[in-house]
Protein backbone atom coordinates (compact mmCIF):
# COMPACT_ATOMS: atom_id res chain seq x y z
CA MET A 1 -10.57 -0.92 27.07
CA ALA A 2 -10.79 1.86 24.48
CA LYS A 3 -12.40 1.00 21.16
CA LYS A 4 -10.77 1.99 17.90
CA LYS A 5 -12.64 4.66 15.97
CA LYS A 6 -14.22 3.37 12.80
CA VAL A 7 -12.81 5.20 9.79
CA ASP A 8 -15.31 6.10 7.08
CA SER A 9 -12.63 5.73 4.41
CA ASN A 10 -12.34 2.61 2.27
CA THR A 11 -8.60 2.43 2.96
CA ILE A 12 -7.39 -0.62 4.88
CA ALA A 13 -3.63 -0.04 4.97
CA VAL A 14 -1.18 2.48 3.47
CA ASN A 15 2.51 2.00 2.71
CA ARG A 16 3.78 5.42 3.86
CA LYS A 17 7.40 4.32 3.60
CA ALA A 18 7.03 3.79 -0.17
CA ARG A 19 6.16 7.45 -0.78
CA HIS A 20 9.24 8.50 1.19
CA GLU A 21 11.68 5.99 -0.34
CA TYR A 22 10.63 6.12 -4.02
CA HIS A 23 9.63 8.40 -6.90
CA ILE A 24 6.24 7.12 -8.09
CA GLU A 25 6.11 6.82 -11.89
CA GLU A 26 2.74 5.09 -12.48
CA THR A 27 -0.04 3.51 -10.41
CA ILE A 28 -2.10 0.41 -11.22
CA GLU A 29 -5.07 -1.24 -9.48
CA ALA A 30 -5.15 -5.00 -8.87
CA GLY A 31 -7.42 -7.40 -7.01
CA VAL A 32 -6.09 -9.62 -4.22
CA VAL A 33 -6.85 -13.33 -3.65
CA LEU A 34 -7.61 -13.78 0.05
CA ALA A 35 -8.77 -16.50 2.42
CA GLY A 36 -11.84 -16.01 4.61
CA TRP A 37 -9.91 -15.32 7.82
CA GLU A 38 -7.85 -12.69 5.97
CA VAL A 39 -10.96 -10.79 4.91
CA LYS A 40 -12.22 -10.76 8.51
CA SER A 41 -8.85 -9.46 9.71
CA LEU A 42 -8.84 -6.75 7.03
CA ARG A 43 -12.31 -5.63 8.13
CA ALA A 44 -10.81 -5.23 11.61
CA GLY A 45 -7.92 -3.23 10.12
CA LYS A 46 -5.17 -5.71 11.03
CA CYS A 47 -2.86 -5.27 8.04
CA GLN A 48 0.64 -3.91 7.49
CA LEU A 49 2.32 -3.11 4.14
CA THR A 50 5.80 -1.96 5.20
CA ASP A 51 8.64 -3.83 3.45
CA THR A 52 6.18 -5.32 0.97
CA TYR A 53 6.92 -5.73 -2.72
CA ILE A 54 5.51 -7.25 -5.91
CA LEU A 55 7.05 -10.26 -7.67
CA ILE A 56 6.13 -11.26 -11.21
CA LYS A 57 6.69 -14.96 -11.91
CA ASP A 58 5.26 -17.16 -14.70
CA GLN A 59 3.04 -14.32 -16.01
CA GLU A 60 1.42 -13.91 -12.58
CA ALA A 61 1.82 -11.12 -10.02
CA TRP A 62 2.36 -11.92 -6.33
CA LEU A 63 2.26 -9.77 -3.19
CA LEU A 64 5.18 -10.66 -0.89
CA GLY A 65 5.84 -9.52 2.66
CA SER A 66 2.42 -8.16 3.57
CA HIS A 67 1.39 -9.01 7.11
CA ILE A 68 -2.27 -9.72 7.94
CA THR A 69 -2.65 -10.52 11.63
CA PRO A 70 -5.19 -13.32 12.20
CA LEU A 71 -8.03 -12.67 14.62
CA ASN A 72 -8.26 -14.99 17.61
CA THR A 73 -11.96 -15.64 16.99
CA ALA A 74 -11.93 -15.98 13.20
CA SER A 75 -9.52 -18.79 12.39
CA THR A 76 -9.94 -21.58 14.93
CA HIS A 77 -9.87 -24.50 12.47
CA VAL A 78 -7.33 -23.06 9.98
CA VAL A 79 -3.60 -22.67 10.48
CA ALA A 80 -3.17 -19.01 9.58
CA ASP A 81 0.07 -17.82 7.97
CA PRO A 82 0.14 -14.01 8.40
CA THR A 83 2.91 -13.41 5.85
CA ARG A 84 1.91 -15.83 3.11
CA THR A 85 2.39 -14.91 -0.55
CA ARG A 86 -0.88 -13.60 -2.01
CA LYS A 87 -1.80 -13.63 -5.68
CA LEU A 88 -2.74 -10.37 -7.41
CA LEU A 89 -5.50 -10.40 -10.02
CA MET A 90 -4.53 -8.52 -13.17
CA HIS A 91 -5.07 -8.94 -16.92
CA ARG A 92 -2.19 -10.48 -18.89
CA LYS A 93 -1.68 -7.25 -20.83
CA GLU A 94 -1.35 -5.29 -17.57
CA ILE A 95 1.17 -7.82 -16.21
CA ALA A 96 3.19 -7.70 -19.46
CA LYS A 97 3.22 -3.88 -19.38
CA LEU A 98 4.25 -3.92 -15.71
CA LEU A 99 7.01 -6.45 -16.42
CA GLY A 100 8.34 -4.29 -19.25
CA GLN A 101 8.51 -1.25 -16.95
CA ILE A 102 10.16 -3.20 -14.11
CA ASN A 103 12.86 -4.56 -16.43
CA GLN A 104 14.09 -1.01 -17.03
CA LYS A 105 17.13 -0.10 -14.97
CA GLY A 106 16.31 1.17 -11.48
CA PHE A 107 12.55 0.48 -11.53
CA THR A 108 10.61 -1.80 -9.20
CA CYS A 109 7.01 -2.37 -8.17
CA VAL A 110 5.63 -1.81 -4.66
CA PRO A 111 2.11 -1.70 -3.20
CA LEU A 112 0.95 1.73 -2.04
CA SER A 113 -2.31 0.79 -0.33
CA LEU A 114 -5.01 -1.81 0.25
CA TYR A 115 -8.61 -0.61 0.10
CA TRP A 116 -12.21 -1.76 -0.28
CA LYS A 117 -13.98 -1.29 -3.62
CA GLY A 118 -17.49 -2.52 -3.00
CA ASN A 119 -17.00 -5.83 -1.23
CA LYS A 120 -13.68 -6.58 -2.97
CA VAL A 121 -10.17 -5.84 -1.67
CA LYS A 122 -8.02 -3.94 -4.15
CA CYS A 123 -4.31 -3.16 -4.04
CA GLN A 124 -2.88 0.02 -5.54
CA LEU A 125 0.50 -0.83 -7.08
CA ALA A 126 3.12 1.64 -8.22
CA VAL A 127 6.03 1.42 -10.61
CA VAL A 128 8.72 3.30 -8.68
CA LYS A 129 12.34 4.39 -8.86
CA GLY A 130 14.46 4.71 -5.71
CA LYS A 131 15.22 8.16 -4.31
CA GLN A 132 18.72 9.30 -3.49
CA LEU A 133 19.44 10.75 -0.04
CA HIS A 134 19.41 14.33 -1.35
CA ASP A 135 16.00 13.71 -3.00
CA LYS A 136 14.59 12.52 0.34
CA ARG A 137 15.95 15.62 2.07
CA ALA A 138 14.43 17.87 -0.59
CA SER A 139 11.01 16.22 -0.32
CA ASP A 140 11.17 16.52 3.50
CA LYS A 141 12.06 20.20 3.16
CA ASP A 142 9.16 20.77 0.72
CA ARG A 143 6.72 18.99 3.04
CA ASP A 144 7.87 21.04 6.04
CA TRP A 145 7.58 24.27 4.07
CA ASN A 146 4.04 23.41 2.90
CA ARG A 147 3.07 22.64 6.50
CA GLN A 148 4.55 25.92 7.71
CA LYS A 149 2.86 27.82 4.87
CA GLY A 150 -0.50 26.34 5.90
CA ARG A 151 0.04 27.47 9.51
CA ILE A 152 0.89 31.00 8.38
CA MET A 153 -2.21 31.14 6.15
CA ARG A 154 -4.46 29.93 8.99
CA GLU A 155 -3.01 32.51 11.40
CA ASN A 156 -3.55 35.32 8.88
CA THR A 157 -7.16 34.32 8.19
CA LYS A 158 -7.93 34.21 11.94
CA GLN A 159 -6.53 37.73 12.51
CA GLY A 160 -8.13 39.30 9.45
């Protein structure tokens, strides 16, 4: 059985789909309230952020739709719910500012990544606006061109 390589980065999970689907207007950092088995699963890298979003209710921010797979060895005495709603830790002023931005037409809030900051788990949130189909095509074209440009530059430096 092949072991997974340990990544030196502090990043636990990245929501790649969010960068493709949305224009990112502003990013914010928030803490996440977790149970013990969830922390152990995150240390093992068992987290997924696709189709995850942020809900603000009663002046509190919540992370909905994130999936943390429980480890078989970690949670023997606890009934683990992998998709439970998790509370985000933010100051009231930050939540009020975020709520004001979300209430504008076309804006929403999605998590971009989960990462370690010391021994705490942080979530990078973004206030985003949805991309149209032609915007997605343009960003794909730009990404492909940058990739091709990098190849050309590497080939020229090897020859010269």
